[in-house]
C-alpha atoms as a PDB file:
ATOM      1  CA  UNK A   1       0.000   0.000   0.000  1.00  0.00           C
ATOM      2  CA  UNK A   2       1.466   3.353  -0.982  1.00  0.00           C
ATOM      3  CA  UNK A   3       0.812   6.589   0.880  1.00  0.00           C
ATOM      4  CA  UNK A   4      -2.033   7.754  -1.384  1.00  0.00           C
ATOM      5  CA  UNK A   5      -3.804   4.411  -0.964  1.00  0.00           C
ATOM      6  CA  UNK A   6      -3.266   4.599   2.800  1.00  0.00           C
ATOM      7  CA  UNK A   7      -4.748   8.091   3.007  1.00  0.00           C
ATOM      8  CA  UNK A   8      -7.664   7.169   0.717  1.00  0.00           C
ATOM      9  CA  UNK A   9      -8.519   4.180   2.919  1.00  0.00           C
ATOM     10  CA  UNK A  10      -8.448   6.290   6.092  1.00  0.00           C
ATOM     11  CA  UNK A  11     -10.621   8.953   4.446  1.00  0.00           C
ATOM     12  CA  UNK A  12     -13.099   6.260   3.418  1.00  0.00           C
ATOM     13  CA  UNK A  13     -13.248   5.164   7.081  1.00  0.00           C
ATOM     14  CA  UNK A  14     -13.717   8.738   8.288  1.00  0.00           C
ATOM     15  CA  UNK A  15     -16.466   9.301   5.737  1.00  0.00           C
ATOM     16  CA  UNK A  16     -18.273   6.102   6.739  1.00  0.00           C
ATOM     17  CA  UNK A  17     -18.080   7.026  10.426  1.00  0.00           C
ATOM     18  CA  UNK A  18     -19.385  10.543   9.756  1.00  0.00           C
ATOM     19  CA  UNK A  19     -22.271   9.227   7.671  1.00  0.00           C
ATOM     20  CA  UNK A  20     -23.130   6.627  10.321  1.00  0.00           C
ATOM     21  CA  UNK A  21     -23.076   9.251  13.067  1.00  0.00           C
ATOM     22  CA  UNK A  22     -25.192  11.806  11.283  1.00  0.00           C
ATOM     23  CA  UNK A  23     -28.931  11.907  11.633  1.00  0.00           C
ATOM     24  CA  UNK A  24     -29.014  14.465   8.896  1.00  0.00           C
ATOM     25  CA  UNK A  25     -25.804  15.545   7.223  1.00  0.00           C
ATOM     26  CA  UNK A  26     -25.511  19.296   7.303  1.00  0.00           C
ATOM     27  CA  UNK A  27     -27.393  19.688  10.575  1.00  0.00           C
ATOM     28  CA  UNK A  28     -24.859  21.437  12.815  1.00  0.00           C
ATOM     29  CA  UNK A  29     -24.157  20.182  16.297  1.00  0.00           C
ATOM     30  CA  UNK A  30     -23.779  22.586  19.197  1.00  0.00           C
ATOM     31  CA  UNK A  31     -22.676  22.309  22.804  1.00  0.00           C
ATOM     32  CA  UNK A  32     -24.778  23.389  25.733  1.00  0.00           C
ATOM     33  CA  UNK A  33     -24.217  23.098  29.472  1.00  0.00           C
ATOM     34  CA  UNK A  34     -25.877  20.189  31.209  1.00  0.00           C
ATOM     35  CA  UNK A  35     -28.012  21.838  33.908  1.00  0.00           C
ATOM     36  CA  UNK A  36     -26.987  21.024  37.462  1.00  0.00           C
ATOM     37  CA  UNK A  37     -23.748  19.281  36.439  1.00  0.00           C
ATOM     38  CA  UNK A  38     -20.281  20.218  35.154  1.00  0.00           C
ATOM     39  CA  UNK A  39     -21.098  18.178  32.042  1.00  0.00           C
ATOM     40  CA  UNK A  40     -22.097  19.259  28.605  1.00  0.00           C
ATOM     41  CA  UNK A  41     -24.674  18.277  26.040  1.00  0.00           C
ATOM     42  CA  UNK A  42     -24.202  17.960  22.306  1.00  0.00           C
ATOM     43  CA  UNK A  43     -27.418  18.688  20.443  1.00  0.00           C
ATOM     44  CA  UNK A  44     -28.687  19.280  16.944  1.00  0.00           C
ATOM     45  CA  UNK A  45     -32.037  20.438  15.613  1.00  0.00           C
ATOM     46  CA  UNK A  46     -33.560  17.021  16.363  1.00  0.00           C
ATOM     47  CA  UNK A  47     -32.431  17.045  19.984  1.00  0.00           C
ATOM     48  CA  UNK A  48     -29.775  15.279  22.049  1.00  0.00           C
ATOM     49  CA  UNK A  49     -26.795  13.782  20.236  1.00  0.00           C
ATOM     50  CA  UNK A  50     -24.866  12.897  23.392  1.00  0.00           C
ATOM     51  CA  UNK A  51     -23.688  14.043  26.786  1.00  0.00           C
ATOM     52  CA  UNK A  52     -20.200  14.330  28.238  1.00  0.00           C
ATOM     53  CA  UNK A  53     -18.575  14.682  31.605  1.00  0.00           C
ATOM     54  CA  UNK A  54     -17.342  18.156  30.772  1.00  0.00           C
ATOM     55  CA  UNK A  55     -18.361  21.304  28.959  1.00  0.00           C
ATOM     56  CA  UNK A  56     -15.102  21.473  26.995  1.00  0.00           C
ATOM     57  CA  UNK A  57     -15.493  17.895  25.762  1.00  0.00           C
ATOM     58  CA  UNK A  58     -18.975  18.776  24.509  1.00  0.00           C
ATOM     59  CA  UNK A  59     -17.581  21.827  22.696  1.00  0.00           C
ATOM     60  CA  UNK A  60     -14.882  19.700  21.083  1.00  0.00           C
ATOM     61  CA  UNK A  61     -17.368  17.046  19.955  1.00  0.00           C
ATOM     62  CA  UNK A  62     -19.768  19.677  18.585  1.00  0.00           C
ATOM     63  CA  UNK A  63     -16.930  21.277  16.617  1.00  0.00           C
ATOM     64  CA  UNK A  64     -16.296  17.990  14.845  1.00  0.00           C
ATOM     65  CA  UNK A  65     -19.842  17.161  13.823  1.00  0.00           C
ATOM     66  CA  UNK A  66     -20.467  14.835  10.849  1.00  0.00           C
ATOM     67  CA  UNK A  67     -20.991  17.696   8.409  1.00  0.00           C
ATOM     68  CA  UNK A  68     -17.589  19.162   9.259  1.00  0.00           C
ATOM     69  CA  UNK A  69     -15.970  15.707   9.097  1.00  0.00           C
ATOM     70  CA  UNK A  70     -17.400  15.210   5.603  1.00  0.00           C
ATOM     71  CA  UNK A  71     -16.126  18.630   4.479  1.00  0.00           C
ATOM     72  CA  UNK A  72     -12.702  17.703   5.824  1.00  0.00           C
ATOM     73  CA  UNK A  73     -12.727  14.381   3.950  1.00  0.00           C
ATOM     74  CA  UNK A  74     -13.632  16.215   0.728  1.00  0.00           C
ATOM     75  CA  UNK A  75     -10.866  18.790   1.204  1.00  0.00           C
ATOM     76  CA  UNK A  76      -8.232  16.157   1.996  1.00  0.00           C
ATOM     77  CA  UNK A  77      -9.230  14.111  -1.048  1.00  0.00           C
ATOM     78  CA  UNK A  78      -8.708  17.200  -3.210  1.00  0.00           C
ATOM     79  CA  UNK A  79      -5.226  17.679  -1.721  1.00  0.00           C
ATOM     80  CA  UNK A  80      -4.355  14.024  -2.347  1.00  0.00           C
ATOM     81  CA  UNK A  81      -5.541  14.302  -5.978  1.00  0.00           C
ATOM     82  CA  UNK A  82      -3.436  17.405  -6.561  1.00  0.00           C
ATOM     83  CA  UNK A  83      -0.382  15.906  -4.895  1.00  0.00           C
ATOM     84  CA  UNK A  84      -0.717  12.385  -6.227  1.00  0.00           C
ATOM     85  CA  UNK A  85       0.299  13.090  -9.785  1.00  0.00           C
ATOM     86  CA  UNK A  86       3.411  15.028  -8.659  1.00  0.00           C
ATOM     87  CA  UNK A  87       4.648  12.337  -6.285  1.00  0.00           C
ATOM     88  CA  UNK A  88       5.490  10.055  -9.177  1.00  0.00           C
ATOM     89  CA  UNK A  89       7.751  12.626 -10.803  1.00  0.00           C
ATOM     90  CA  UNK A  90      11.459  11.903 -10.597  1.00  0.00           C
ATOM     91  CA  UNK A  91      13.112  13.456  -7.533  1.00  0.00           C
ATOM     92  CA  UNK A  92      15.642  15.117  -9.766  1.00  0.00           C
ATOM     93  CA  UNK A  93      15.616  16.722 -13.158  1.00  0.00           C
ATOM     94  CA  UNK A  94      18.201  15.576 -15.711  1.00  0.00           C
ATOM     95  CA  UNK A  95      20.379  18.543 -14.682  1.00  0.00           C
ATOM     96  CA  UNK A  96      20.489  17.203 -11.088  1.00  0.00           C
ATOM     97  CA  UNK A  97      18.196  19.821  -9.549  1.00  0.00           C
ATOM     98  CA  UNK A  98      15.539  18.554  -7.163  1.00  0.00           C
ATOM     99  CA  UNK A  99      11.949  18.839  -8.358  1.00  0.00           C
ATOM    100  CA  UNK A 100      10.341  21.238  -5.872  1.00  0.00           C
ATOM    101  CA  UNK A 101       6.829  20.223  -6.931  1.00  0.00           C
ATOM    102  CA  UNK A 102       7.472  16.521  -6.268  1.00  0.00           C
ATOM    103  CA  UNK A 103       9.210  17.272  -2.953  1.00  0.00           C
ATOM    104  CA  UNK A 104       6.380  19.529  -1.764  1.00  0.00           C
ATOM    105  CA  UNK A 105       3.728  17.034  -2.848  1.00  0.00           C
ATOM    106  CA  UNK A 106       5.447  14.227  -0.952  1.00  0.00           C
ATOM    107  CA  UNK A 107       5.736  16.396   2.162  1.00  0.00           C
ATOM    108  CA  UNK A 108       2.049  17.332   1.966  1.00  0.00           C
ATOM    109  CA  UNK A 109       1.107  13.660   1.775  1.00  0.00           C
ATOM    110  CA  UNK A 110       3.407  12.841   4.703  1.00  0.00           C
ATOM    111  CA  UNK A 111       1.702  15.588   6.721  1.00  0.00           C
ATOM    112  CA  UNK A 112      -1.776  14.299   5.847  1.00  0.00           C
ATOM    113  CA  UNK A 113      -0.854  10.697   6.669  1.00  0.00           C
ATOM    114  CA  UNK A 114       0.598  11.728  10.044  1.00  0.00           C
ATOM    115  CA  UNK A 115      -2.961  12.188  11.331  1.00  0.00           C
ATOM    116  CA  UNK A 116      -3.215   8.377  11.315  1.00  0.00           C
ATOM    117  CA  UNK A 117       0.313   7.651  12.614  1.00  0.00           C
ATOM    118  CA  UNK A 118      -1.217   5.330  15.235  1.00  0.00           C
ATOM    119  CA  UNK A 119      -2.795   3.114  12.532  1.00  0.00           C
ATOM    120  CA  UNK A 120      -1.110  -0.296  12.073  1.00  0.00           C
ATOM    121  CA  UNK A 121      -0.634   0.292   8.307  1.00  0.00           C
ATOM    122  CA  UNK A 122       1.205   3.597   8.843  1.00  0.00           C
ATOM    123  CA  UNK A 123       4.873   3.398   7.807  1.00  0.00           C
ATOM    124  CA  UNK A 124       7.707   5.068   9.698  1.00  0.00           C
ATOM    125  CA  UNK A 125       9.217   6.348   6.438  1.00  0.00           C
ATOM    126  CA  UNK A 126       6.152   8.576   6.033  1.00  0.00           C
ATOM    127  CA  UNK A 127       6.867  10.522   9.236  1.00  0.00           C
ATOM    128  CA  UNK A 128       7.239  14.208   8.369  1.00  0.00           C
END
């Protein structure tokens, strides 16, 4: 598995999780205090999504609602598409100069893949 395949597979997983967790994609989540407790609630227009032990956890969860996760997957796929074709360029031109486009594309893919550095298929040589 090369780095673009690795990233594509992780994005597919993120997309599936976001779709499974969304009652209605595009319905924003928001955090609210849980009355009488230090906890927080995550709600959408249909009601309760979940509750947490802390207000800041609820804010974090609400920030990463399924709609945002799907936008992030779309944006990362666009980056991978733009970088993917450059990665296969030779590292050096015939005159010995390094291809800056190929080097930058590889680094961008390394940075994207680092999000999943705890995944068993992640390779150490991809570390930025």
